[in-house]
């Protein structure tokens, strides 16, 4: 096999489905997540179903030494990475004044610092080989401020801005950087973020993680700069260009606030 893809946060949700769609397209995989048993189960499933090779690494990417150790471990595999998918991330529905700081700090480390650090570690080799793909998973949250998820929305705005910037730097190198911006998706993310009672989720039929992953993989391979999944989400991202920030915050607050 060839053209290995590295995916963070691969044990569930969109990351799990991205691993599945990459394997179906005959990519070998390097997967990292905190839940080792889930990674092992996914490795067995993908190798059996698609005949690809899968390497797994159990680790917490909020920890800077772990990121460096993981990078050094990947170098020992003797694989030339084709694509890096920074999918790992989480959110939390809570007013900022009542939030747990340790959780907010871990969110910043994972959603922002780890994503940036891993991109810095793996991107130079892609530029040197004159081919490669970066897929950074953001959210429609990137387009507006988000009361009750203030830190999460801010982290995704960073991901969009950062990825768009390096996309511009990479013109002509053979490497592309794509920001994937899904809206609310049926996955474990909603449960972990305690979003079940939010108006944007409660009672709605949400797109599946598999649908989002298929869309994201296609956008990555085609080198799109920004990929917003779903027609209504595209309208939202477009509308945010014209509405005042205060009004956007009020809209997000009403959608985010639990009933």
Protein backbone atom coordinates (compact mmCIF):
# COMPACT_ATOMS: atom_id res chain seq x y z
CA UNK A 1 0.00 0.00 0.00
CA UNK A 2 1.03 3.63 -0.01
CA UNK A 3 0.33 7.26 0.71
CA UNK A 4 -0.01 6.92 4.51
CA UNK A 5 -2.45 9.20 6.35
CA UNK A 6 -2.04 10.19 10.00
CA UNK A 7 -5.27 10.88 11.90
CA UNK A 8 -5.57 12.22 15.44
CA UNK A 9 -8.57 11.48 17.62
CA UNK A 10 -9.28 8.37 15.56
CA UNK A 11 -11.05 6.26 18.19
CA UNK A 12 -14.54 7.71 17.65
CA UNK A 13 -16.76 10.09 15.71
CA UNK A 14 -15.49 11.91 12.63
CA UNK A 15 -11.92 10.71 13.24
CA UNK A 16 -13.04 7.08 13.26
CA UNK A 17 -14.99 7.57 10.05
CA UNK A 18 -12.12 9.45 8.40
CA UNK A 19 -9.91 6.45 9.14
CA UNK A 20 -12.53 4.19 7.57
CA UNK A 21 -12.87 6.24 4.38
CA UNK A 22 -9.09 6.59 4.03
CA UNK A 23 -8.64 2.82 4.40
CA UNK A 24 -11.39 2.23 1.82
CA UNK A 25 -9.33 4.40 -0.53
CA UNK A 26 -6.29 2.22 0.12
CA UNK A 27 -4.31 4.51 2.40
CA UNK A 28 -2.17 2.99 5.10
CA UNK A 29 -2.89 4.68 8.42
CA UNK A 30 -1.14 6.03 11.50
CA UNK A 31 -3.72 6.57 14.23
CA UNK A 32 -3.44 8.22 17.63
CA UNK A 33 -6.02 8.55 20.40
CA UNK A 34 -6.26 8.12 24.15
CA UNK A 35 -8.39 4.95 24.07
CA UNK A 36 -6.04 2.12 23.21
CA UNK A 37 -8.60 -0.69 23.03
CA UNK A 38 -10.72 1.23 20.53
CA UNK A 39 -7.64 1.87 18.40
CA UNK A 40 -6.74 -1.82 18.43
CA UNK A 41 -10.29 -2.77 17.44
CA UNK A 42 -10.25 -0.24 14.60
CA UNK A 43 -6.85 -1.45 13.40
CA UNK A 44 -8.09 -5.03 13.16
CA UNK A 45 -11.27 -4.01 11.39
CA UNK A 46 -9.56 -1.84 8.76
CA UNK A 47 -6.71 -4.23 8.05
CA UNK A 48 -9.15 -7.11 7.60
CA UNK A 49 -11.65 -5.19 5.49
CA UNK A 50 -9.30 -3.22 3.25
CA UNK A 51 -5.90 -4.91 3.31
CA UNK A 52 -4.12 -1.77 4.49
CA UNK A 53 -1.49 -1.47 7.20
CA UNK A 54 -2.46 0.41 10.35
CA UNK A 55 -0.13 1.61 13.10
CA UNK A 56 -1.63 2.81 16.38
CA UNK A 57 -0.30 4.96 19.22
CA UNK A 58 -2.01 5.56 22.54
CA UNK A 59 -1.36 9.07 23.79
CA UNK A 60 -2.80 12.32 25.13
CA UNK A 61 -1.99 15.14 22.71
CA UNK A 62 -2.66 17.83 25.31
CA UNK A 63 0.76 16.85 26.72
CA UNK A 64 3.67 18.53 24.81
CA UNK A 65 6.25 15.76 25.50
CA UNK A 66 3.76 13.18 24.19
CA UNK A 67 3.47 15.09 20.90
CA UNK A 68 7.24 15.10 20.44
CA UNK A 69 7.53 11.43 21.41
CA UNK A 70 4.75 10.55 18.98
CA UNK A 71 6.50 12.41 16.17
CA UNK A 72 9.77 10.60 16.87
CA UNK A 73 7.91 7.27 16.96
CA UNK A 74 6.39 7.97 13.53
CA UNK A 75 9.84 8.67 12.12
CA UNK A 76 10.91 5.20 13.21
CA UNK A 77 8.17 3.61 11.11
CA UNK A 78 10.05 4.46 7.93
CA UNK A 79 6.91 5.83 6.26
CA UNK A 80 6.68 8.96 4.13
CA UNK A 81 3.54 10.68 5.33
CA UNK A 82 1.13 11.82 2.62
CA UNK A 83 -1.54 13.47 4.74
CA UNK A 84 -1.98 14.78 8.27
CA UNK A 85 -5.54 14.97 9.62
CA UNK A 86 -5.78 17.02 12.81
CA UNK A 87 -9.18 15.85 14.01
CA UNK A 88 -8.75 15.55 17.79
CA UNK A 89 -10.70 18.12 19.77
CA UNK A 90 -13.52 18.63 22.24
CA UNK A 91 -15.97 21.24 23.50
CA UNK A 92 -17.92 22.09 26.63
CA UNK A 93 -21.30 23.77 27.11
CA UNK A 94 -20.98 26.06 30.13
CA UNK A 95 -20.87 29.76 30.94
CA UNK A 96 -17.27 30.89 31.00
CA UNK A 97 -17.47 32.14 34.59
CA UNK A 98 -18.66 28.72 35.76
CA UNK A 99 -16.27 26.69 33.62
CA UNK A 100 -13.60 24.41 34.99
CA UNK A 101 -10.27 26.02 34.11
CA UNK A 102 -8.37 22.75 33.79
CA UNK A 103 -10.89 21.60 31.17
CA UNK A 104 -10.70 24.90 29.29
CA UNK A 105 -6.91 24.80 29.30
CA UNK A 106 -6.91 21.21 28.03
CA UNK A 107 -9.27 22.32 25.25
CA UNK A 108 -6.87 25.07 24.23
CA UNK A 109 -3.97 22.63 24.29
CA UNK A 110 -5.75 20.06 22.14
CA UNK A 111 -7.80 22.20 19.76
CA UNK A 112 -5.14 24.85 19.17
CA UNK A 113 -1.64 24.04 20.42
CA UNK A 114 -1.51 20.34 19.52
CA UNK A 115 -2.95 20.99 16.07
CA UNK A 116 -0.41 23.74 15.42
CA UNK A 117 2.49 21.76 16.85
CA UNK A 118 1.77 18.62 14.82
CA UNK A 119 1.36 20.67 11.66
CA UNK A 120 4.76 22.27 12.32
CA UNK A 121 6.34 18.86 12.93
CA UNK A 122 5.00 17.07 9.84
CA UNK A 123 4.52 19.80 7.22
CA UNK A 124 8.20 20.46 6.34
CA UNK A 125 8.71 16.90 5.03
CA UNK A 126 5.60 17.24 2.85
CA UNK A 127 6.93 20.46 1.34
CA UNK A 128 10.30 18.81 0.77
CA UNK A 129 8.70 15.86 -1.08
CA UNK A 130 6.48 18.35 -3.01
CA UNK A 131 3.24 16.55 -2.27
CA UNK A 132 0.93 16.20 0.68
CA UNK A 133 -2.31 17.16 2.33
CA UNK A 134 -3.24 18.80 5.63
CA UNK A 135 -6.83 18.49 6.86
CA UNK A 136 -7.60 20.48 10.00
CA UNK A 137 -11.05 19.86 11.44
CA UNK A 138 -12.70 23.05 12.63
CA UNK A 139 -16.45 23.68 12.76
CA UNK A 140 -19.11 26.14 11.66
CA UNK A 141 -18.33 27.54 15.13
CA UNK A 142 -15.28 29.09 13.46
CA UNK A 143 -17.46 31.74 11.81
CA UNK A 144 -19.04 33.37 14.86
CA UNK A 145 -18.62 33.94 18.61
CA UNK A 146 -20.32 31.31 20.76
CA UNK A 147 -21.79 32.14 24.16
CA UNK A 148 -21.94 29.05 26.42
CA UNK A 149 -19.06 27.55 24.41
CA UNK A 150 -16.85 30.63 24.27
CA UNK A 151 -13.47 28.90 24.36
CA UNK A 152 -14.49 26.15 21.93
CA UNK A 153 -15.78 28.62 19.33
CA UNK A 154 -12.62 30.70 19.70
CA UNK A 155 -10.40 27.66 19.18
CA UNK A 156 -12.20 26.79 15.96
CA UNK A 157 -11.87 30.37 14.71
CA UNK A 158 -8.13 29.94 15.27
CA UNK A 159 -8.09 26.69 13.29
CA UNK A 160 -9.83 28.35 10.34
CA UNK A 161 -7.54 31.39 10.36
CA UNK A 162 -4.34 29.39 10.85
CA UNK A 163 -5.16 26.82 8.17
CA UNK A 164 -6.24 29.48 5.67
CA UNK A 165 -2.95 31.30 6.26
CA UNK A 166 -0.73 28.29 5.68
CA UNK A 167 -2.87 27.36 2.68
CA UNK A 168 -1.77 30.65 1.16
CA UNK A 169 1.86 29.96 2.02
CA UNK A 170 1.69 26.53 0.36
CA UNK A 171 0.63 27.73 -3.10
CA UNK A 172 2.84 26.10 -5.70
CA UNK A 173 4.47 23.60 -3.31
CA UNK A 174 2.37 20.56 -4.20
CA UNK A 175 0.96 20.56 -0.66
CA UNK A 176 -2.49 21.84 0.29
CA UNK A 177 -4.16 22.72 3.59
CA UNK A 178 -7.92 22.31 4.04
CA UNK A 179 -10.18 23.43 6.88
CA UNK A 180 -13.17 21.14 7.35
CA UNK A 181 -16.12 22.96 8.96
CA UNK A 182 -18.96 20.61 9.89
CA UNK A 183 -22.02 21.74 11.79
CA UNK A 184 -23.57 19.68 14.62
CA UNK A 185 -22.95 16.02 13.82
CA UNK A 186 -24.29 12.80 15.31
CA UNK A 187 -21.23 11.63 17.24
CA UNK A 188 -19.79 11.22 20.72
CA UNK A 189 -18.67 14.86 20.58
CA UNK A 190 -22.20 16.02 21.49
CA UNK A 191 -22.30 13.79 24.57
CA UNK A 192 -18.83 14.75 25.74
CA UNK A 193 -19.63 18.44 25.31
CA UNK A 194 -22.96 18.01 27.18
CA UNK A 195 -24.85 19.47 24.21
CA UNK A 196 -27.89 17.18 24.32
CA UNK A 197 -30.26 19.91 25.51
CA UNK A 198 -28.98 22.69 23.24
CA UNK A 199 -31.53 23.97 20.70
CA UNK A 200 -29.18 23.34 17.78
CA UNK A 201 -29.10 19.63 18.65
CA UNK A 202 -32.23 18.65 20.57
CA UNK A 203 -34.84 16.97 18.39
CA UNK A 204 -32.89 17.50 15.17
CA UNK A 205 -31.81 14.87 12.66
CA UNK A 206 -28.10 15.49 12.41
CA UNK A 207 -25.73 14.38 9.63
CA UNK A 208 -23.73 11.30 10.49
CA UNK A 209 -20.02 11.32 11.20
CA UNK A 210 -19.59 9.04 8.16
CA UNK A 211 -21.23 11.62 5.88
CA UNK A 212 -19.01 14.39 7.21
CA UNK A 213 -15.90 12.23 6.90
CA UNK A 214 -16.63 11.32 3.26
CA UNK A 215 -17.13 15.01 2.46
CA UNK A 216 -13.94 15.98 4.31
CA UNK A 217 -11.84 13.33 2.59
CA UNK A 218 -12.99 14.47 -0.85
CA UNK A 219 -12.29 18.12 0.00
CA UNK A 220 -8.83 17.23 1.30
CA UNK A 221 -7.91 15.24 -1.80
CA UNK A 222 -9.15 18.04 -4.06
CA UNK A 223 -7.15 20.60 -2.10
CA UNK A 224 -10.07 22.84 -1.15
CA UNK A 225 -9.07 25.65 1.21
CA UNK A 226 -12.31 25.70 3.24
CA UNK A 227 -14.93 22.94 3.16
CA UNK A 228 -18.26 23.62 4.89
CA UNK A 229 -20.46 20.55 5.11
CA UNK A 230 -24.20 20.94 4.41
CA UNK A 231 -26.24 23.53 2.55
CA UNK A 232 -27.63 25.26 5.66
CA UNK A 233 -24.15 25.45 7.15
CA UNK A 234 -22.83 27.02 3.95
CA UNK A 235 -25.59 29.64 4.20
CA UNK A 236 -24.65 30.31 7.82
CA UNK A 237 -20.97 30.75 7.02
CA UNK A 238 -21.86 33.14 4.20
CA UNK A 239 -24.34 35.15 6.28
CA UNK A 240 -21.79 35.77 9.04
CA UNK A 241 -19.92 38.09 6.67
CA UNK A 242 -22.75 40.62 6.82
CA UNK A 243 -24.15 40.49 10.36
CA UNK A 244 -22.71 42.51 13.29
CA UNK A 245 -20.66 40.47 15.78
CA UNK A 246 -23.09 41.25 18.60
CA UNK A 247 -25.99 39.91 16.56
CA UNK A 248 -24.03 36.79 15.68
CA UNK A 249 -23.28 36.21 19.34
CA UNK A 250 -26.97 36.53 20.17
CA UNK A 251 -27.91 34.00 17.47
CA UNK A 252 -25.30 31.53 18.75
CA UNK A 253 -26.41 32.10 22.34
CA UNK A 254 -30.01 31.26 21.51
CA UNK A 255 -29.03 28.10 19.65
CA UNK A 256 -26.48 26.99 22.24
CA UNK A 257 -28.34 27.70 25.46
CA UNK A 258 -29.85 24.54 26.96
CA UNK A 259 -33.64 24.49 27.30
